[in-house]
Amino acid sequence: MPVTEVSDTGATGGKPRSVRVGKYEITLPASRIARVLLGLGLILGGLLGFLPVLGFWMVPLGVLVLSADFAIMRRMRRKGAVMLRNGVNRINGKKGRR
């Protein structure tokens, strides 16, 4: 099971777009503009992570939200997931796929 997965069926009239992280599934707004604003807001808020309430955890979450609409963000998310998996496998002494 992948660590993160974005469903792309929102535009076809099926199930709304959602993000699955592990066993949790979060539904994204139906409007593309709302998703883009949410993703950019999370990234900008994450850059101010030294302030109370905001945190650096918001940057990867913003990239995850934006990956539903932008191919470059999808590639960044997939590369990050592969790097994380390879690092965990290296720590655990397993051979990872490259």
Foldseek 3Di string as FASTA:
>chain_A
DAQKDWDQCLVVPPDAIWMDGPPDIGGDDSDPVRLLVQLVVLLVQLVVQVDPPGHVVSNLVSLSSCVNPDVVSVVVNVVVSQVVVCVVCVVVVHHGDD
